[in-house]
Amino acid sequence: MGIIGTIFIGLIVGLLARFLKPGDDNMGWIMTIVLGICGSVAATYGGQALGIYHAGEGAGFFGALVGAIVLLVIFGFIKKN
Protein backbone atom coordinates (compact mmCIF):
# COMPACT_ATOMS: atom_id res chain seq x y z
CA MET A 1 0.00 0.00 0.00
CA GLY A 2 1.38 3.38 -0.93
CA ILE A 3 1.39 6.63 0.93
CA ILE A 4 -2.08 7.58 -0.40
CA GLY A 5 -3.53 4.35 1.01
CA THR A 6 -1.81 4.97 4.33
CA ILE A 7 -3.25 8.48 4.50
CA PHE A 8 -6.75 7.18 3.71
CA ILE A 9 -6.43 4.53 6.41
CA GLY A 10 -5.19 7.31 8.71
CA LEU A 11 -8.42 9.23 8.15
CA ILE A 12 -10.45 6.23 9.22
CA VAL A 13 -8.09 5.37 12.06
CA GLY A 14 -8.18 8.94 13.40
CA LEU A 15 -11.95 8.85 13.66
CA LEU A 16 -11.91 5.39 15.25
CA ALA A 17 -9.22 6.45 17.72
CA ARG A 18 -11.28 9.44 18.82
CA PHE A 19 -14.28 7.17 19.30
CA LEU A 20 -12.30 4.53 21.25
CA LYS A 21 -10.20 6.85 23.42
CA PRO A 22 -11.98 7.58 26.68
CA GLY A 23 -12.36 11.10 27.96
CA ASP A 24 -13.25 14.45 26.52
CA ASP A 25 -11.30 15.62 23.48
CA ASN A 26 -11.27 19.38 23.20
CA MET A 27 -9.89 19.34 19.69
CA GLY A 28 -11.64 19.61 16.37
CA TRP A 29 -12.24 16.87 13.88
CA ILE A 30 -9.52 18.16 11.57
CA MET A 31 -6.86 17.87 14.30
CA THR A 32 -8.12 14.38 15.19
CA ILE A 33 -7.83 13.30 11.56
CA VAL A 34 -4.34 14.83 11.25
CA LEU A 35 -3.19 12.99 14.39
CA GLY A 36 -4.75 9.81 13.02
CA ILE A 37 -2.82 10.18 9.78
CA CYS A 38 0.42 10.84 11.68
CA GLY A 39 -0.17 7.85 13.95
CA SER A 40 -1.01 5.68 10.98
CA VAL A 41 2.10 6.66 9.05
CA ALA A 42 4.37 6.28 12.09
CA ALA A 43 2.94 2.92 13.15
CA THR A 44 2.76 1.52 9.62
CA TYR A 45 6.29 2.34 8.61
CA GLY A 46 7.69 1.81 12.11
CA GLY A 47 6.14 -1.67 12.34
CA GLN A 48 7.42 -2.59 8.91
CA ALA A 49 10.90 -1.28 9.71
CA LEU A 50 11.00 -3.34 12.90
CA GLY A 51 9.77 -6.41 11.03
CA ILE A 52 6.63 -6.79 13.15
CA TYR A 53 4.43 -7.06 10.04
CA HIS A 54 4.64 -6.60 6.29
CA ALA A 55 2.80 -4.25 3.95
CA GLY A 56 -0.81 -5.25 3.36
CA GLU A 57 -1.27 -7.30 6.53
CA GLY A 58 -4.22 -6.72 8.84
CA ALA A 59 -1.87 -6.12 11.77
CA GLY A 60 -0.88 -2.84 10.14
CA PHE A 61 -4.40 -1.48 10.63
CA PHE A 62 -4.36 -2.34 14.32
CA GLY A 63 -0.86 -0.91 14.66
CA ALA A 64 -2.06 2.31 13.05
CA LEU A 65 -5.04 2.42 15.41
CA VAL A 66 -2.81 2.00 18.45
CA GLY A 67 -0.40 4.62 17.12
CA ALA A 68 -3.23 7.10 16.61
CA ILE A 69 -4.63 6.50 20.10
CA VAL A 70 -1.17 7.00 21.60
CA LEU A 71 -0.76 10.28 19.71
CA LEU A 72 -4.20 11.45 20.85
CA VAL A 73 -3.31 10.72 24.47
CA ILE A 74 0.07 12.49 24.19
CA PHE A 75 -1.51 15.48 22.47
CA GLY A 76 -4.17 15.62 25.21
CA PHE A 77 -1.50 15.75 27.92
CA ILE A 78 0.49 18.43 26.08
CA LYS A 79 -2.57 20.54 25.39
CA LYS A 80 -3.74 20.25 29.01
CA ASN A 81 -0.50 21.81 30.31
PDB file of N, CA and C in Angstrom:
ATOM      1  N   MET A   1       0.858  -1.167   0.000  1.00  0.00           N
ATOM      2  CA  MET A   1       0.000   0.000   0.000  1.00  0.00           C
ATOM      3  C   MET A   1       0.905   1.231   0.000  1.00  0.00           C
ATOM      4  N   GLY A   2       0.579   2.180  -0.820  1.00  0.00           N
ATOM      5  CA  GLY A   2       1.382   3.378  -0.932  1.00  0.00           C
ATOM      6  C   GLY A   2       1.013   4.407   0.116  1.00  0.00           C
ATOM      7  N   ILE A   3       1.600   5.557  -0.031  1.00  0.00           N
ATOM      8  CA  ILE A   3       1.386   6.634   0.930  1.00  0.00           C
ATOM      9  C   ILE A   3      -0.057   7.132   0.884  1.00  0.00           C
ATOM     10  N   ILE A   4      -0.690   7.136  -0.295  1.00  0.00           N
ATOM     11  CA  ILE A   4      -2.082   7.576  -0.403  1.00  0.00           C
ATOM     12  C   ILE A   4      -2.995   6.623   0.366  1.00  0.00           C
ATOM     13  N   GLY A   5      -2.755   5.337   0.261  1.00  0.00           N
ATOM     14  CA  GLY A   5      -3.531   4.351   1.011  1.00  0.00           C
ATOM     15  C   GLY A   5      -3.323   4.503   2.506  1.00  0.00           C
ATOM     16  N   THR A   6      -2.105   4.775   2.908  1.00  0.00           N
ATOM     17  CA  THR A   6      -1.805   4.969   4.327  1.00  0.00           C
ATOM     18  C   THR A   6      -2.514   6.207   4.860  1.00  0.00           C
ATOM     19  N   ILE A   7      -2.558   7.264   4.069  1.00  0.00           N
ATOM     20  CA  ILE A   7      -3.254   8.479   4.498  1.00  0.00           C
ATOM     21  C   ILE A   7      -4.752   8.226   4.603  1.00  0.00           C
ATOM     22  N   PHE A   8      -5.318   7.497   3.648  1.00  0.00           N
ATOM     23  CA  PHE A   8      -6.748   7.179   3.705  1.00  0.00           C
ATOM     24  C   PHE A   8      -7.072   6.331   4.932  1.00  0.00           C
ATOM     25  N   ILE A   9      -6.240   5.338   5.206  1.00  0.00           N
ATOM     26  CA  ILE A   9      -6.425   4.529   6.415  1.00  0.00           C
ATOM     27  C   ILE A   9      -6.283   5.413   7.646  1.00  0.00           C
ATOM     28  N   GLY A  10      -5.376   6.382   7.596  1.00  0.00           N
ATOM     29  CA  GLY A  10      -5.190   7.312   8.709  1.00  0.00           C
ATOM     30  C   GLY A  10      -6.430   8.128   8.993  1.00  0.00           C
ATOM     31  N   LEU A  11      -7.153   8.515   7.951  1.00  0.00           N
ATOM     32  CA  LEU A  11      -8.418   9.233   8.151  1.00  0.00           C
ATOM     33  C   LEU A  11      -9.403   8.381   8.947  1.00  0.00           C
ATOM     34  N   ILE A  12      -9.528   7.143   8.536  1.00  0.00           N
ATOM     35  CA  ILE A  12     -10.450   6.225   9.218  1.00  0.00           C
ATOM     36  C   ILE A  12      -9.963   5.936  10.634  1.00  0.00           C
ATOM     37  N   VAL A  13      -8.671   5.686  10.764  1.00  0.00           N
ATOM     38  CA  VAL A  13      -8.092   5.369  12.063  1.00  0.00           C
ATOM     39  C   VAL A  13      -8.225   6.544  13.037  1.00  0.00           C
ATOM     40  N   GLY A  14      -8.033   7.764  12.549  1.00  0.00           N
ATOM     41  CA  GLY A  14      -8.179   8.942  13.404  1.00  0.00           C
ATOM     42  C   GLY A  14      -9.575   9.049  13.990  1.00  0.00           C
ATOM     43  N   LEU A  15     -10.568   8.809  13.176  1.00  0.00           N
ATOM     44  CA  LEU A  15     -11.949   8.854  13.660  1.00  0.00           C
ATOM     45  C   LEU A  15     -12.233   7.713  14.633  1.00  0.00           C
ATOM     46  N   LEU A  16     -11.735   6.519  14.334  1.00  0.00           N
ATOM     47  CA  LEU A  16     -11.912   5.388  15.253  1.00  0.00           C
ATOM     48  C   LEU A  16     -11.183   5.616  16.573  1.00  0.00           C
ATOM     49  N   ALA A  17      -9.986   6.190  16.503  1.00  0.00           N
ATOM     50  CA  ALA A  17      -9.216   6.448  17.722  1.00  0.00           C
ATOM     51  C   ALA A  17      -9.941   7.436  18.617  1.00  0.00           C
ATOM     52  N   ARG A  18     -10.534   8.460  18.016  1.00  0.00           N
ATOM     53  CA  ARG A  18     -11.283   9.436  18.817  1.00  0.00           C
ATOM     54  C   ARG A  18     -12.492   8.780  19.469  1.00  0.00           C
ATOM     55  N   PHE A  19     -13.124   7.870  18.754  1.00  0.00           N
ATOM     56  CA  PHE A  19     -14.283   7.167  19.297  1.00  0.00           C
ATOM     57  C   PHE A  19     -13.874   6.220  20.426  1.00  0.00           C
ATOM     58  N   LEU A  20     -12.729   5.541  20.274  1.00  0.00           N
ATOM     59  CA  LEU A  20     -12.304   4.533  21.246  1.00  0.00           C
ATOM     60  C   LEU A  20     -11.587   5.101  22.462  1.00  0.00           C
ATOM     61  N   LYS A  21     -10.957   6.266  22.303  1.00  0.00           N
ATOM     62  CA  LYS A  21     -10.204   6.847  23.420  1.00  0.00           C
ATOM     63  C   LYS A  21     -11.174   7.449  24.430  1.00  0.00           C
ATOM     64  N   PRO A  22     -11.063   7.028  25.672  1.00  0.00           N
ATOM     65  CA  PRO A  22     -11.979   7.580  26.683  1.00  0.00           C
ATOM     66  C   PRO A  22     -11.625   9.015  27.033  1.00  0.00           C
ATOM     67  N   GLY A  23     -12.599   9.728  27.533  1.00  0.00           N
ATOM     68  CA  GLY A  23     -12.364  11.100  27.965  1.00  0.00           C
ATOM     69  C   GLY A  23     -12.862  12.106  26.954  1.00  0.00           C
ATOM     70  N   ASP A  24     -12.775  13.356  27.354  1.00  0.00           N
ATOM     71  CA  ASP A  24     -13.246  14.454  26.525  1.00  0.00           C
ATOM     72  C   ASP A  24     -12.101  14.992  25.684  1.00  0.00           C
ATOM     73  N   ASP A  25     -12.297  15.043  24.385  1.00  0.00           N
ATOM     74  CA  ASP A  25     -11.304  15.618  23.480  1.00  0.00           C
ATOM     75  C   ASP A  25     -11.743  17.027  23.124  1.00  0.00           C
ATOM     76  N   ASN A  26     -10.952  17.990  23.508  1.00  0.00           N
ATOM     77  CA  ASN A  26     -11.270  19.378  23.204  1.00  0.00           C
ATOM     78  C   ASN A  26     -10.565  19.839  21.943  1.00  0.00           C
ATOM     79  N   MET A  27     -10.499  18.971  20.960  1.00  0.00           N
ATOM     80  CA  MET A  27      -9.888  19.336  19.689  1.00  0.00           C
ATOM     81  C   MET A  27     -10.904  19.087  18.589  1.00  0.00           C
ATOM     82  N   GLY A  28     -10.711  19.749  17.489  1.00  0.00           N
ATOM     83  CA  GLY A  28     -11.640  19.606  16.373  1.00  0.00           C
ATOM     84  C   GLY A  28     -11.419  18.314  15.603  1.00  0.00           C
ATOM     85  N   TRP A  29     -12.322  18.088  14.691  1.00  0.00           N
ATOM     86  CA  TRP A  29     -12.241  16.871  13.878  1.00  0.00           C
ATOM     87  C   TRP A  29     -11.025  16.899  12.964  1.00  0.00           C
ATOM     88  N   ILE A  30     -10.674  18.059  12.469  1.00  0.00           N
ATOM     89  CA  ILE A  30      -9.521  18.161  11.570  1.00  0.00           C
ATOM     90  C   ILE A  30      -8.248  17.740  12.300  1.00  0.00           C
ATOM     91  N   MET A  31      -8.055  18.227  13.521  1.00  0.00           N
ATOM     92  CA  MET A  31      -6.863  17.866  14.297  1.00  0.00           C
ATOM     93  C   MET A  31      -6.866  16.376  14.626  1.00  0.00           C
ATOM     94  N   THR A  32      -8.029  15.822  14.918  1.00  0.00           N
ATOM     95  CA  THR A  32      -8.122  14.385  15.186  1.00  0.00           C
ATOM     96  C   THR A  32      -7.709  13.583  13.956  1.00  0.00           C
ATOM     97  N   ILE A  33      -8.165  14.009  12.794  1.00  0.00           N
ATOM     98  CA  ILE A  33      -7.825  13.298  11.564  1.00  0.00           C
ATOM     99  C   ILE A  33      -6.337  13.430  11.263  1.00  0.00           C
ATOM    100  N   VAL A  34      -5.774  14.624  11.480  1.00  0.00           N
ATOM    101  CA  VAL A  34      -4.344  14.828  11.247  1.00  0.00           C
ATOM    102  C   VAL A  34      -3.520  13.935  12.181  1.00  0.00           C
ATOM    103  N   LEU A  35      -3.902  13.869  13.460  1.00  0.00           N
ATOM    104  CA  LEU A  35      -3.191  12.992  14.391  1.00  0.00           C
ATOM    105  C   LEU A  35      -3.373  11.526  14.013  1.00  0.00           C
ATOM    106  N   GLY A  36      -4.531  11.176  13.495  1.00  0.00           N
ATOM    107  CA  GLY A  36      -4.752   9.812  13.019  1.00  0.00           C
ATOM    108  C   GLY A  36      -3.865   9.469  11.844  1.00  0.00           C
ATOM    109  N   ILE A  37      -3.707  10.409  10.926  1.00  0.00           N
ATOM    110  CA  ILE A  37      -2.823  10.180   9.781  1.00  0.00           C
ATOM    111  C   ILE A  37      -1.383  10.040  10.250  1.00  0.00           C
ATOM    112  N   CYS A  38      -0.953  10.921  11.158  1.00  0.00           N
ATOM    113  CA  CYS A  38       0.422  10.843  11.683  1.00  0.00           C
ATOM    114  C   CYS A  38       0.660   9.524  12.421  1.00  0.00           C
ATOM    115  N   GLY A  39      -0.292   9.123  13.243  1.00  0.00           N
ATOM    116  CA  GLY A  39      -0.169   7.851  13.954  1.00  0.00           C
ATOM    117  C   GLY A  39      -0.152   6.673  13.007  1.00  0.00           C
ATOM    118  N   SER A  40      -0.969   6.747  11.970  1.00  0.00           N
ATOM    119  CA  SER A  40      -1.014   5.682  10.980  1.00  0.00           C
ATOM    120  C   SER A  40       0.303   5.558  10.228  1.00  0.00           C
ATOM    121  N   VAL A  41       0.825   6.683   9.795  1.00  0.00           N
ATOM    122  CA  VAL A  41       2.099   6.664   9.054  1.00  0.00           C
ATOM    123  C   VAL A  41       3.228   6.167   9.946  1.00  0.00           C
ATOM    124  N   ALA A  42       3.293   6.685  11.170  1.00  0.00           N
ATOM    125  CA  ALA A  42       4.365   6.283  12.086  1.00  0.00           C
ATOM    126  C   ALA A  42       4.282   4.797  12.434  1.00  0.00           C
ATOM    127  N   ALA A  43       3.088   4.316  12.756  1.00  0.00           N
ATOM    128  CA  ALA A  43       2.941   2.917  13.149  1.00  0.00           C
ATOM    129  C   ALA A  43       3.119   1.979  11.958  1.00  0.00           C
ATOM    130  N   THR A  44       2.629   2.385  10.792  1.00  0.00           N
ATOM    131  CA  THR A  44       2.756   1.524   9.616  1.00  0.00           C
ATOM    132  C   THR A  44       4.211   1.340   9.224  1.00  0.00           C
ATOM    133  N   TYR A  45       4.907   2.452   9.044  1.00  0.00           N
ATOM    134  CA  TYR A  45       6.293   2.336   8.607  1.00  0.00           C
ATOM    135  C   TYR A  45       7.223   1.909   9.739  1.00  0.00           C
ATOM    136  N   GLY A  46       6.901   2.273  10.961  1.00  0.00           N
ATOM    137  CA  GLY A  46       7.688   1.806  12.113  1.00  0.00           C
ATOM    138  C   GLY A  46       7.571   0.304  12.304  1.00  0.00           C
ATOM    139  N   GLY A  47       6.353  -0.214  12.203  1.00  0.00           N
ATOM    140  CA  GLY A  47       6.136  -1.666  12.342  1.00  0.00           C
ATOM    141  C   GLY A  47       6.791  -2.453  11.225  1.00  0.00           C
ATOM    142  N   GLN A  48       6.761  -1.909  10.024  1.00  0.00           N
ATOM    143  CA  GLN A  48       7.416  -2.586   8.907  1.00  0.00           C
ATOM    144  C   GLN A  48       8.933  -2.525   9.045  1.00  0.00           C
ATOM    145  N   ALA A  49       9.458  -1.409   9.536  1.00  0.00           N
ATOM    146  CA  ALA A  49      10.901  -1.279   9.710  1.00  0.00           C
ATOM    147  C   ALA A  49      11.415  -2.223  10.796  1.00  0.00           C
ATOM    148  N   LEU A  50      10.602  -2.426  11.828  1.00  0.00           N
ATOM    149  CA  LEU A  50      11.000  -3.336  12.897  1.00  0.00           C
ATOM    150  C   LEU A  50      10.741  -4.794  12.552  1.00  0.00           C
ATOM    151  N   GLY A  51      10.051  -5.049  11.452  1.00  0.00           N
ATOM    152  CA  GLY A  51       9.772  -6.409  11.026  1.00  0.00           C
ATOM    153  C   GLY A  51       8.615  -7.052  11.771  1.00  0.00           C
ATOM    154  N   ILE A  52       7.774  -6.253  12.405  1.00  0.00           N
ATOM    155  CA  ILE A  52       6.635  -6.792  13.146  1.00  0.00           C
ATOM    156  C   ILE A  52       5.586  -7.338  12.182  1.00  0.00           C
ATOM    157  N   TYR A  53       5.362  -6.624  11.080  1.00  0.00           N
ATOM    158  CA  TYR A  53       4.433  -7.063  10.042  1.00  0.00           C
ATOM    159  C   TYR A  53       4.897  -6.504   8.700  1.00  0.00           C
ATOM    160  N   HIS A  54       4.284  -7.018   7.649  1.00  0.00           N
ATOM    161  CA  HIS A  54       4.643  -6.596   6.295  1.00  0.00           C
ATOM    162  C   HIS A  54       3.509  -5.770   5.701  1.00  0.00           C
ATOM    163  N   ALA A  55       3.794  -5.090   4.608  1.00  0.00           N
ATOM    164  CA  ALA A  55       2.798  -4.249   3.948  1.00  0.00           C
ATOM    165  C   ALA A  55       1.599  -5.086   3.519  1.00  0.00           C
ATOM    166  N   GLY A  56       0.412  -4.574   3.768  1.00  0.00           N
ATOM    167  CA  GLY A  56      -0.810  -5.249   3.358  1.00  0.00           C
ATOM    168  C   GLY A  56      -1.394  -6.204   4.384  1.00  0.00           C
ATOM    169  N   GLU A  57      -0.748  -6.412   5.501  1.00  0.00           N
ATOM    170  CA  GLU A  57      -1.272  -7.297   6.529  1.00  0.00           C
ATOM    171  C   GLU A  57      -2.269  -6.556   7.409  1.00  0.00           C
ATOM    172  N   GLY A  58      -3.200  -7.298   7.965  1.00  0.00           N
ATOM    173  CA  GLY A  58      -4.216  -6.717   8.843  1.00  0.00           C
ATOM    174  C   GLY A  58      -3.643  -6.135  10.118  1.00  0.00           C
ATOM    175  N   ALA A  59      -2.501  -6.630  10.547  1.00  0.00           N
ATOM    176  CA  ALA A  59      -1.874  -6.120  11.767  1.00  0.00           C
ATOM    177  C   ALA A  59      -1.475  -4.659  11.606  1.00  0.00           C
ATOM    178  N   GLY A  60      -1.228  -4.235  10.388  1.00  0.00           N
ATOM    179  CA  GLY A  60      -0.876  -2.845  10.137  1.00  0.00           C
ATOM    180  C   GLY A  60      -2.006  -1.896  10.499  1.00  0.00           C
ATOM    181  N   PHE A  61      -3.250  -2.315  10.270  1.00  0.00           N
ATOM    182  CA  PHE A  61      -4.395  -1.484  10.627  1.00  0.00           C
ATOM    183  C   PHE A  61      -4.488  -1.322  12.135  1.00  0.00           C
ATOM    184  N   PHE A  62      -4.300  -2.413  12.860  1.00  0.00           N
ATOM    185  CA  PHE A  62      -4.358  -2.342  14.323  1.00  0.00           C
ATOM    186  C   PHE A  62      -3.168  -1.566  14.883  1.00  0.00           C
ATOM    187  N   GLY A  63      -2.013  -1.702  14.257  1.00  0.00           N
ATOM    188  CA  GLY A  63      -0.861  -0.913  14.664  1.00  0.00           C
ATOM    189  C   GLY A  63      -1.101   0.569  14.449  1.00  0.00           C
ATOM    190  N   ALA A  64      -1.732   0.913  13.324  1.00  0.00           N
ATOM    191  CA  ALA A  64      -2.056   2.306  13.046  1.00  0.00           C
ATOM    192  C   ALA A  64      -3.072   2.841  14.050  1.00  0.00           C
ATOM    193  N   LEU A  65      -4.035   2.010  14.420  1.00  0.00           N
ATOM    194  CA  LEU A  65      -5.037   2.423  15.406  1.00  0.00           C
ATOM    195  C   LEU A  65      -4.394   2.680  16.761  1.00  0.00           C
ATOM    196  N   VAL A  66      -3.511   1.812  17.184  1.00  0.00           N
ATOM    197  CA  VAL A  66      -2.810   1.999  18.453  1.00  0.00           C
ATOM    198  C   VAL A  66      -1.926   3.249  18.389  1.00  0.00           C
ATOM    199  N   GLY A  67      -1.235   3.434  17.271  1.00  0.00           N
ATOM    200  CA  GLY A  67      -0.400   4.618  17.116  1.00  0.00           C
ATOM    201  C   GLY A  67      -1.207   5.904  17.182  1.00  0.00           C
ATOM    202  N   ALA A  68      -2.381   5.912  16.584  1.00  0.00           N
ATOM    203  CA  ALA A  68      -3.232   7.100  16.611  1.00  0.00           C
ATOM    204  C   ALA A  68      -3.760   7.372  18.016  1.00  0.00           C
ATOM    205  N   ILE A  69      -4.142   6.325  18.733  1.00  0.00           N
ATOM    206  CA  ILE A  69      -4.627   6.504  20.104  1.00  0.00           C
ATOM    207  C   ILE A  69      -3.516   7.049  20.988  1.00  0.00           C
ATOM    208  N   VAL A  70      -2.304   6.518  20.820  1.00  0.00           N
ATOM    209  CA  VAL A  70      -1.169   7.003  21.605  1.00  0.00           C
ATOM    210  C   VAL A  70      -0.913   8.484  21.314  1.00  0.00           C
ATOM    211  N   LEU A  71      -0.963   8.870  20.045  1.00  0.00           N
ATOM    212  CA  LEU A  71      -0.758  10.280  19.709  1.00  0.00           C
ATOM    213  C   LEU A  71      -1.877  11.163  20.268  1.00  0.00           C
ATOM    214  N   LEU A  72      -3.107  10.684  20.266  1.00  0.00           N
ATOM    215  CA  LEU A  72      -4.205  11.453  20.847  1.00  0.00           C
ATOM    216  C   LEU A  72      -4.018  11.651  22.347  1.00  0.00           C
ATOM    217  N   VAL A  73      -3.550  10.625  23.028  1.00  0.00           N
ATOM    218  CA  VAL A  73      -3.307  10.722  24.473  1.00  0.00           C
ATOM    219  C   VAL A  73      -2.165  11.705  24.743  1.00  0.00           C
ATOM    220  N   ILE A  74      -1.072  11.585  24.001  1.00  0.00           N
ATOM    221  CA  ILE A  74       0.070  12.488  24.195  1.00  0.00           C
ATOM    222  C   ILE A  74      -0.333  13.923  23.904  1.00  0.00           C
ATOM    223  N   PHE A  75      -1.073  14.135  22.823  1.00  0.00           N
ATOM    224  CA  PHE A  75      -1.514  15.482  22.474  1.00  0.00           C
ATOM    225  C   PHE A  75      -2.444  16.044  23.559  1.00  0.00           C
ATOM    226  N   GLY A  76      -3.284  15.196  24.128  1.00  0.00           N
ATOM    227  CA  GLY A  76      -4.169  15.624  25.207  1.00  0.00           C
ATOM    228  C   GLY A  76      -3.399  16.086  26.425  1.00  0.00           C
ATOM    229  N   PHE A  77      -2.331  15.355  26.781  1.00  0.00           N
ATOM    230  CA  PHE A  77      -1.496  15.750  27.919  1.00  0.00           C
ATOM    231  C   PHE A  77      -0.765  17.059  27.638  1.00  0.00           C
ATOM    232  N   ILE A  78      -0.235  17.204  26.428  1.00  0.00           N
ATOM    233  CA  ILE A  78       0.488  18.425  26.084  1.00  0.00           C
ATOM    234  C   ILE A  78      -0.447  19.618  26.054  1.00  0.00           C
ATOM    235  N   LYS A  79      -1.614  19.439  25.487  1.00  0.00           N
ATOM    236  CA  LYS A  79      -2.570  20.543  25.388  1.00  0.00           C
ATOM    237  C   LYS A  79      -3.113  20.943  26.759  1.00  0.00           C
ATOM    238  N   LYS A  80      -3.223  19.981  27.668  1.00  0.00           N
ATOM    239  CA  LYS A  80      -3.739  20.252  29.009  1.00  0.00           C
ATOM    240  C   LYS A  80      -2.786  21.152  29.786  1.00  0.00           C
ATOM    241  N   ASN A  81      -1.491  20.984  29.584  1.00  0.00           N
ATOM    242  CA  ASN A  81      -0.497  21.806  30.306  1.00  0.00           C
ATOM    243  C   ASN A  81      -0.352  23.068  29.573  1.00  0.00           C
TER     244      ASN A  81
END
